[in-house]
Every structure is written in C-alpha cells, then in structure tokens.
C-alpha cells in the first residue's frame, strides 16, 4: 500500500510559479508516478508523469512551463510550475502505479493505470 501526501498548492498571480511536492510512503514498489489535475466542471486530466527509468511525459498544455522530478532519497515527487496561467487553476493530484507492464510509457497521462492517489492540493491562478 502506497500513501501519497501532496503539498505546495496555493494562490498566485498569472505568470507566477509554484512547486508542488508529494511524499510517498515508499518508492520501491512504484513503476511510475504522475500529476493529474481537475478543474471544477471538467474531467481529470494528466499533467505529467515520470517513469522509474527517469523518462518523463507532459501534456501539451504544460510543456515548457512545468517540470516533473523526483528525489528518491526523500521519497518525494515534485512538480515545478512556472508561467502559471488562470487555466492552470485546478486541484492537483499525485498518483502512483505499482504494477508492471508498459502503461507508464504507452498511456502515461491516462488515469486508469494508476492505483494510488493522493488527496489533492489546490492551485489557484488569478489574472
């Protein structure tokens, strides 16, 4: 069982930056981890993921602005968000997949392969 706890959300003006953190109870049994977000009235969407090999995948809407990284020594996943825009406003969720298979790379930003989810941290960007 992997427990995920996010932090780092908050309110910021457009153009600003935030760094989200996600502490995992263990890393050794995860094949990939990721960040998803959900805005009010919208479906949950994949933002970025990082595979145990170190490869990363990003949604087109955040490429060049967001960076996903991890610190294995601290069991912590990060999402550095720069040049934030009002459309980035959402609840951000940390997620992890513990099962094997190709899904981390084949469908990196689909929600269904991930079997652990955090409670979320709110990001609000004002114009």
N, C-alpha and C. Protein backbone atom coordinates (compact mmCIF):
# COMPACT_ATOMS: atom_id res chain seq x y z
N UNK A 1 0.83 -1.18 0.00
CA UNK A 1 0.00 0.00 0.00
C UNK A 1 0.88 1.25 0.00
N UNK A 2 0.68 2.12 -0.96
CA UNK A 2 1.45 3.36 -1.06
C UNK A 2 0.55 4.52 -0.67
N UNK A 3 1.00 5.31 0.27
CA UNK A 3 0.26 6.52 0.65
C UNK A 3 0.96 7.74 0.09
N UNK A 4 0.17 8.66 -0.43
CA UNK A 4 0.69 9.86 -1.09
C UNK A 4 0.12 11.10 -0.43
N UNK A 5 0.97 12.05 -0.09
CA UNK A 5 0.53 13.28 0.55
C UNK A 5 1.11 14.47 -0.21
N UNK A 6 0.21 15.28 -0.80
CA UNK A 6 0.64 16.44 -1.58
C UNK A 6 0.72 17.68 -0.71
N UNK A 7 1.54 18.63 -1.15
CA UNK A 7 1.60 19.94 -0.52
C UNK A 7 2.14 20.93 -1.54
N UNK A 8 2.07 22.21 -1.19
CA UNK A 8 2.66 23.23 -2.04
C UNK A 8 1.68 24.04 -2.88
N UNK A 9 0.41 23.67 -2.84
CA UNK A 9 -0.57 24.45 -3.58
C UNK A 9 -0.78 25.81 -2.95
N UNK A 10 -1.51 26.65 -3.65
CA UNK A 10 -1.78 27.98 -3.13
C UNK A 10 -2.34 28.88 -4.21
N UNK A 11 -2.36 30.17 -3.92
CA UNK A 11 -2.86 31.17 -4.86
C UNK A 11 -1.70 31.99 -5.38
N UNK A 12 -1.71 32.26 -6.66
CA UNK A 12 -0.64 33.02 -7.29
C UNK A 12 -1.20 33.80 -8.46
N UNK A 13 -0.56 34.87 -8.81
CA UNK A 13 -0.99 35.65 -9.96
C UNK A 13 -0.42 35.03 -11.25
N UNK A 14 -1.08 35.32 -12.33
CA UNK A 14 -0.63 34.82 -13.63
C UNK A 14 0.82 35.22 -13.87
N UNK A 15 1.58 34.26 -14.39
CA UNK A 15 3.00 34.49 -14.60
C UNK A 15 3.87 34.02 -13.46
N UNK A 16 3.23 33.69 -12.33
CA UNK A 16 3.98 33.26 -11.17
C UNK A 16 4.34 31.79 -11.20
N UNK A 17 4.94 31.33 -10.11
CA UNK A 17 5.42 29.94 -10.02
C UNK A 17 4.99 29.31 -8.70
N UNK A 18 4.85 28.00 -8.74
CA UNK A 18 4.62 27.20 -7.54
C UNK A 18 5.35 25.88 -7.72
N UNK A 19 5.72 25.26 -6.61
CA UNK A 19 6.29 23.92 -6.65
C UNK A 19 5.47 23.00 -5.76
N UNK A 20 4.89 22.00 -6.36
CA UNK A 20 4.12 21.00 -5.63
C UNK A 20 5.05 19.87 -5.21
N UNK A 21 4.76 19.31 -4.04
CA UNK A 21 5.52 18.17 -3.55
C UNK A 21 4.56 17.05 -3.20
N UNK A 22 5.05 15.83 -3.33
CA UNK A 22 4.25 14.66 -2.98
C UNK A 22 5.16 13.66 -2.29
N UNK A 23 4.91 13.42 -1.02
CA UNK A 23 5.70 12.46 -0.27
C UNK A 23 5.01 11.11 -0.33
N UNK A 24 5.76 10.10 -0.76
CA UNK A 24 5.23 8.75 -0.87
C UNK A 24 5.72 7.91 0.31
N UNK A 25 4.85 7.05 0.78
CA UNK A 25 5.25 6.20 1.92
C UNK A 25 6.34 5.22 1.52
N UNK A 26 6.40 4.90 0.22
CA UNK A 26 7.51 4.08 -0.28
C UNK A 26 7.64 4.29 -1.79
N UNK A 27 8.84 4.15 -2.29
CA UNK A 27 9.10 4.34 -3.72
C UNK A 27 9.42 3.03 -4.42
N UNK A 28 9.89 2.06 -3.64
CA UNK A 28 10.48 0.86 -4.24
C UNK A 28 9.48 0.06 -5.06
N UNK A 29 8.19 0.21 -4.76
CA UNK A 29 7.20 -0.59 -5.47
C UNK A 29 6.41 0.23 -6.49
N UNK A 30 6.92 1.39 -6.88
CA UNK A 30 6.24 2.19 -7.89
C UNK A 30 6.98 2.08 -9.22
N UNK A 31 6.24 1.89 -10.29
CA UNK A 31 6.84 1.85 -11.62
C UNK A 31 6.78 3.21 -12.29
N UNK A 32 5.85 4.03 -11.89
CA UNK A 32 5.83 5.40 -12.35
C UNK A 32 4.96 6.22 -11.41
N UNK A 33 5.17 7.53 -11.44
CA UNK A 33 4.37 8.45 -10.66
C UNK A 33 3.98 9.62 -11.56
N UNK A 34 2.94 10.31 -11.16
CA UNK A 34 2.49 11.40 -12.02
C UNK A 34 1.68 12.43 -11.28
N UNK A 35 1.34 13.47 -12.01
CA UNK A 35 0.46 14.53 -11.52
C UNK A 35 -0.72 14.65 -12.48
N UNK A 36 -1.90 14.72 -11.89
CA UNK A 36 -3.13 14.98 -12.61
C UNK A 36 -3.77 16.22 -12.02
N UNK A 37 -4.71 16.80 -12.75
CA UNK A 37 -5.44 17.95 -12.22
C UNK A 37 -6.90 17.88 -12.65
N UNK A 38 -7.73 18.52 -11.86
CA UNK A 38 -9.15 18.57 -12.18
C UNK A 38 -9.70 19.94 -11.79
N UNK A 39 -10.20 20.64 -12.79
CA UNK A 39 -10.83 21.93 -12.57
C UNK A 39 -12.33 21.70 -12.36
N UNK A 40 -13.01 22.62 -11.69
CA UNK A 40 -14.45 22.46 -11.47
C UNK A 40 -15.21 22.28 -12.77
N UNK A 41 -16.04 21.24 -12.83
CA UNK A 41 -16.85 21.00 -14.01
C UNK A 41 -16.12 20.35 -15.16
N UNK A 42 -14.86 20.01 -14.94
CA UNK A 42 -14.07 19.40 -16.02
C UNK A 42 -13.58 18.03 -15.61
N UNK A 43 -13.21 17.23 -16.61
CA UNK A 43 -12.68 15.91 -16.34
C UNK A 43 -11.25 16.00 -15.82
N UNK A 44 -10.85 14.97 -15.08
CA UNK A 44 -9.47 14.92 -14.61
C UNK A 44 -8.55 14.72 -15.80
N UNK A 45 -7.45 15.45 -15.83
CA UNK A 45 -6.52 15.34 -16.94
C UNK A 45 -5.10 15.11 -16.45
N UNK A 46 -4.35 14.34 -17.21
CA UNK A 46 -2.97 14.08 -16.89
C UNK A 46 -2.11 15.29 -17.20
N UNK A 47 -1.21 15.62 -16.29
CA UNK A 47 -0.31 16.76 -16.47
C UNK A 47 1.09 16.29 -16.84
N UNK A 48 1.63 15.36 -16.07
CA UNK A 48 2.98 14.87 -16.31
C UNK A 48 3.17 13.56 -15.58
N UNK A 49 4.09 12.74 -16.09
CA UNK A 49 4.48 11.56 -15.33
C UNK A 49 5.97 11.32 -15.46
N UNK A 50 6.51 10.54 -14.54
CA UNK A 50 7.91 10.17 -14.57
C UNK A 50 7.99 8.68 -14.28
N UNK A 51 8.72 7.99 -15.13
CA UNK A 51 8.84 6.54 -15.02
C UNK A 51 10.06 6.21 -14.17
N UNK A 52 10.09 5.01 -13.63
CA UNK A 52 11.20 4.62 -12.77
C UNK A 52 12.54 4.70 -13.50
N UNK A 53 12.52 4.61 -14.83
CA UNK A 53 13.74 4.75 -15.63
C UNK A 53 14.23 6.19 -15.69
N UNK A 54 13.35 7.13 -15.33
CA UNK A 54 13.69 8.54 -15.38
C UNK A 54 13.06 9.30 -16.53
N UNK A 55 12.47 8.60 -17.47
CA UNK A 55 11.83 9.28 -18.59
C UNK A 55 10.57 10.01 -18.13
N UNK A 56 10.25 11.08 -18.82
CA UNK A 56 9.11 11.91 -18.43
C UNK A 56 8.18 12.13 -19.62
N UNK A 57 6.94 12.44 -19.30
CA UNK A 57 5.93 12.75 -20.31
C UNK A 57 5.11 13.94 -19.81
N UNK A 58 4.72 14.82 -20.72
CA UNK A 58 3.98 16.02 -20.35
C UNK A 58 2.78 16.22 -21.27
N UNK A 59 1.74 16.82 -20.70
CA UNK A 59 0.63 17.28 -21.52
C UNK A 59 1.11 18.45 -22.37
N UNK A 60 0.55 18.57 -23.56
CA UNK A 60 0.97 19.64 -24.45
C UNK A 60 0.76 21.02 -23.81
N UNK A 61 -0.28 21.15 -23.02
CA UNK A 61 -0.63 22.44 -22.44
C UNK A 61 0.38 22.93 -21.41
N UNK A 62 1.24 22.03 -20.91
CA UNK A 62 2.19 22.45 -19.87
C UNK A 62 3.64 22.30 -20.30
N UNK A 63 3.89 21.75 -21.47
CA UNK A 63 5.26 21.57 -21.95
C UNK A 63 5.98 22.91 -21.99
N UNK A 64 7.21 22.90 -21.46
CA UNK A 64 8.00 24.11 -21.45
C UNK A 64 7.74 24.99 -20.24
N UNK A 65 6.67 24.70 -19.49
CA UNK A 65 6.34 25.50 -18.30
C UNK A 65 6.45 24.68 -17.01
N UNK A 66 6.09 23.41 -17.07
CA UNK A 66 6.09 22.55 -15.89
C UNK A 66 7.24 21.54 -16.01
N UNK A 67 7.80 21.17 -14.86
CA UNK A 67 8.84 20.15 -14.82
C UNK A 67 8.55 19.18 -13.69
N UNK A 68 8.52 17.90 -14.02
CA UNK A 68 8.32 16.86 -13.01
C UNK A 68 9.68 16.28 -12.66
N UNK A 69 9.88 16.02 -11.38
CA UNK A 69 11.14 15.43 -10.94
C UNK A 69 10.89 14.65 -9.66
N UNK A 70 11.89 13.89 -9.25
CA UNK A 70 11.75 13.12 -8.03
C UNK A 70 13.07 13.05 -7.29
N UNK A 71 12.97 12.94 -5.99
CA UNK A 71 14.13 12.75 -5.13
C UNK A 71 13.92 11.41 -4.43
N UNK A 72 14.59 10.39 -4.93
CA UNK A 72 14.37 9.05 -4.39
C UNK A 72 14.80 8.94 -2.93
N UNK A 73 15.82 9.69 -2.56
CA UNK A 73 16.30 9.63 -1.18
C UNK A 73 15.24 10.14 -0.21
N UNK A 74 14.40 11.05 -0.69
CA UNK A 74 13.36 11.64 0.16
C UNK A 74 11.98 11.07 -0.15
N UNK A 75 11.91 10.09 -1.06
CA UNK A 75 10.61 9.54 -1.46
C UNK A 75 9.64 10.64 -1.86
N UNK A 76 10.12 11.62 -2.59
CA UNK A 76 9.32 12.79 -2.90
C UNK A 76 9.28 13.06 -4.39
N UNK A 77 8.09 13.34 -4.86
CA UNK A 77 7.84 13.73 -6.25
C UNK A 77 7.55 15.22 -6.26
N UNK A 78 8.04 15.92 -7.29
CA UNK A 78 7.83 17.36 -7.40
C UNK A 78 7.18 17.71 -8.73
N UNK A 79 6.53 18.86 -8.73
CA UNK A 79 6.06 19.47 -9.97
C UNK A 79 6.35 20.96 -9.87
N UNK A 80 7.37 21.39 -10.60
CA UNK A 80 7.69 22.81 -10.68
C UNK A 80 6.83 23.44 -11.76
N UNK A 81 6.06 24.43 -11.38
CA UNK A 81 5.14 25.06 -12.32
C UNK A 81 5.51 26.52 -12.49
N UNK A 82 5.93 26.88 -13.68
CA UNK A 82 6.32 28.25 -14.00
C UNK A 82 5.35 28.85 -15.01
N UNK A 83 5.36 30.18 -15.09
CA UNK A 83 4.49 30.91 -16.03
C UNK A 83 3.05 30.41 -15.92
N UNK A 84 2.57 30.35 -14.71
CA UNK A 84 1.22 29.85 -14.47
C UNK A 84 0.18 30.77 -15.10
N UNK A 85 -0.90 30.15 -15.59
CA UNK A 85 -1.98 30.87 -16.22
C UNK A 85 -3.30 30.53 -15.52
N UNK A 86 -4.31 31.39 -15.63
CA UNK A 86 -5.59 31.10 -14.98
C UNK A 86 -6.15 29.73 -15.35
N UNK A 87 -5.89 29.27 -16.55
CA UNK A 87 -6.40 27.96 -16.97
C UNK A 87 -5.69 26.79 -16.27
N UNK A 88 -4.63 27.09 -15.52
CA UNK A 88 -3.97 26.06 -14.72
C UNK A 88 -4.66 25.86 -13.37
N UNK A 89 -5.63 26.69 -13.06
CA UNK A 89 -6.35 26.57 -11.80
C UNK A 89 -7.07 25.24 -11.73
N UNK A 90 -6.79 24.47 -10.67
CA UNK A 90 -7.37 23.14 -10.52
C UNK A 90 -6.90 22.54 -9.21
N UNK A 91 -7.51 21.41 -8.86
CA UNK A 91 -6.99 20.57 -7.79
C UNK A 91 -5.96 19.65 -8.44
N UNK A 92 -4.79 19.61 -7.87
CA UNK A 92 -3.70 18.79 -8.41
C UNK A 92 -3.52 17.55 -7.54
N UNK A 93 -3.45 16.40 -8.21
CA UNK A 93 -3.35 15.11 -7.52
C UNK A 93 -2.04 14.41 -7.89
N UNK A 94 -1.42 13.85 -6.89
CA UNK A 94 -0.26 13.00 -7.09
C UNK A 94 -0.76 11.57 -7.23
N UNK A 95 -0.11 10.80 -8.08
CA UNK A 95 -0.55 9.44 -8.31
C UNK A 95 0.64 8.52 -8.54
N UNK A 96 0.43 7.24 -8.31
CA UNK A 96 1.50 6.26 -8.48
C UNK A 96 0.93 4.95 -9.01
N UNK A 97 1.75 4.26 -9.78
CA UNK A 97 1.38 2.94 -10.27
C UNK A 97 2.39 1.94 -9.72
N UNK A 98 1.89 0.87 -9.13
CA UNK A 98 2.79 -0.12 -8.54
C UNK A 98 2.88 -1.39 -9.38
N UNK A 99 2.00 -1.56 -10.34
CA UNK A 99 2.02 -2.77 -11.15
C UNK A 99 2.95 -2.59 -12.34
N UNK A 100 3.42 -3.68 -12.89
CA UNK A 100 4.31 -3.63 -14.04
C UNK A 100 3.56 -3.38 -15.32
N UNK A 101 4.17 -3.74 -16.45
CA UNK A 101 3.52 -3.55 -17.74
C UNK A 101 3.98 -2.26 -18.39
N UNK A 102 3.53 -2.04 -19.62
CA UNK A 102 4.04 -0.91 -20.43
C UNK A 102 3.28 0.40 -20.24
N UNK A 103 2.27 0.38 -19.39
CA UNK A 103 1.32 1.51 -19.38
C UNK A 103 1.95 2.85 -19.01
N UNK A 104 2.98 2.84 -18.19
CA UNK A 104 3.60 4.09 -17.77
C UNK A 104 4.12 4.89 -18.96
N UNK A 105 4.55 4.17 -20.01
CA UNK A 105 5.04 4.84 -21.20
C UNK A 105 4.01 4.88 -22.33
N UNK A 106 3.19 3.84 -22.42
CA UNK A 106 2.23 3.75 -23.51
C UNK A 106 1.07 4.72 -23.33
N UNK A 107 0.54 4.79 -22.12
CA UNK A 107 -0.56 5.72 -21.83
C UNK A 107 -0.22 6.52 -20.58
N UNK A 108 0.83 7.32 -20.62
CA UNK A 108 1.36 7.97 -19.41
C UNK A 108 0.40 8.93 -18.74
N UNK A 109 -0.52 9.52 -19.50
CA UNK A 109 -1.39 10.55 -18.93
C UNK A 109 -2.85 10.11 -18.88
N UNK A 110 -3.07 8.81 -18.93
CA UNK A 110 -4.40 8.24 -18.68
C UNK A 110 -4.48 7.86 -17.21
N UNK A 111 -5.63 8.10 -16.61
CA UNK A 111 -5.77 7.89 -15.16
C UNK A 111 -5.86 6.42 -14.77
N UNK A 112 -6.43 5.59 -15.65
CA UNK A 112 -6.79 4.24 -15.22
C UNK A 112 -5.63 3.33 -14.81
N UNK A 113 -4.39 3.52 -15.35
CA UNK A 113 -3.33 2.60 -14.90
C UNK A 113 -2.81 2.87 -13.48
N UNK A 114 -3.12 4.04 -12.94
CA UNK A 114 -2.58 4.41 -11.65
C UNK A 114 -3.48 3.87 -10.54
N UNK A 115 -2.87 3.22 -9.54
CA UNK A 115 -3.67 2.60 -8.50
C UNK A 115 -3.54 3.26 -7.14
N UNK A 116 -2.77 4.33 -7.02
CA UNK A 116 -2.71 5.08 -5.77
C UNK A 116 -2.85 6.57 -6.07
N UNK A 117 -3.64 7.24 -5.23
CA UNK A 117 -3.92 8.65 -5.43
C UNK A 117 -3.83 9.40 -4.10
N UNK A 118 -3.30 10.63 -4.17
CA UNK A 118 -3.31 11.49 -3.00
C UNK A 118 -4.64 12.22 -2.89
N UNK A 119 -4.75 13.05 -1.86
CA UNK A 119 -5.99 13.79 -1.61
C UNK A 119 -6.09 15.07 -2.42
N UNK A 120 -4.98 15.54 -2.95
CA UNK A 120 -5.00 16.72 -3.79
C UNK A 120 -4.57 17.98 -3.07
N UNK A 121 -4.07 18.93 -3.85
CA UNK A 121 -3.71 20.25 -3.34
C UNK A 121 -4.19 21.28 -4.36
N UNK A 122 -4.82 22.34 -3.86
CA UNK A 122 -5.46 23.31 -4.74
C UNK A 122 -4.46 24.34 -5.25
N UNK A 123 -4.54 24.60 -6.54
CA UNK A 123 -3.76 25.66 -7.18
C UNK A 123 -4.74 26.64 -7.81
N UNK A 124 -4.61 27.91 -7.44
CA UNK A 124 -5.48 28.94 -7.98
C UNK A 124 -4.62 30.04 -8.59
N UNK A 125 -4.85 30.34 -9.85
CA UNK A 125 -4.09 31.36 -10.56
C UNK A 125 -5.04 32.48 -10.97
N UNK A 126 -4.77 33.67 -10.53
CA UNK A 126 -5.62 34.82 -10.84
C UNK A 126 -4.98 35.65 -11.94
N UNK A 127 -5.84 36.29 -12.72
CA UNK A 127 -5.35 37.09 -13.85
C UNK A 127 -5.05 38.51 -13.42
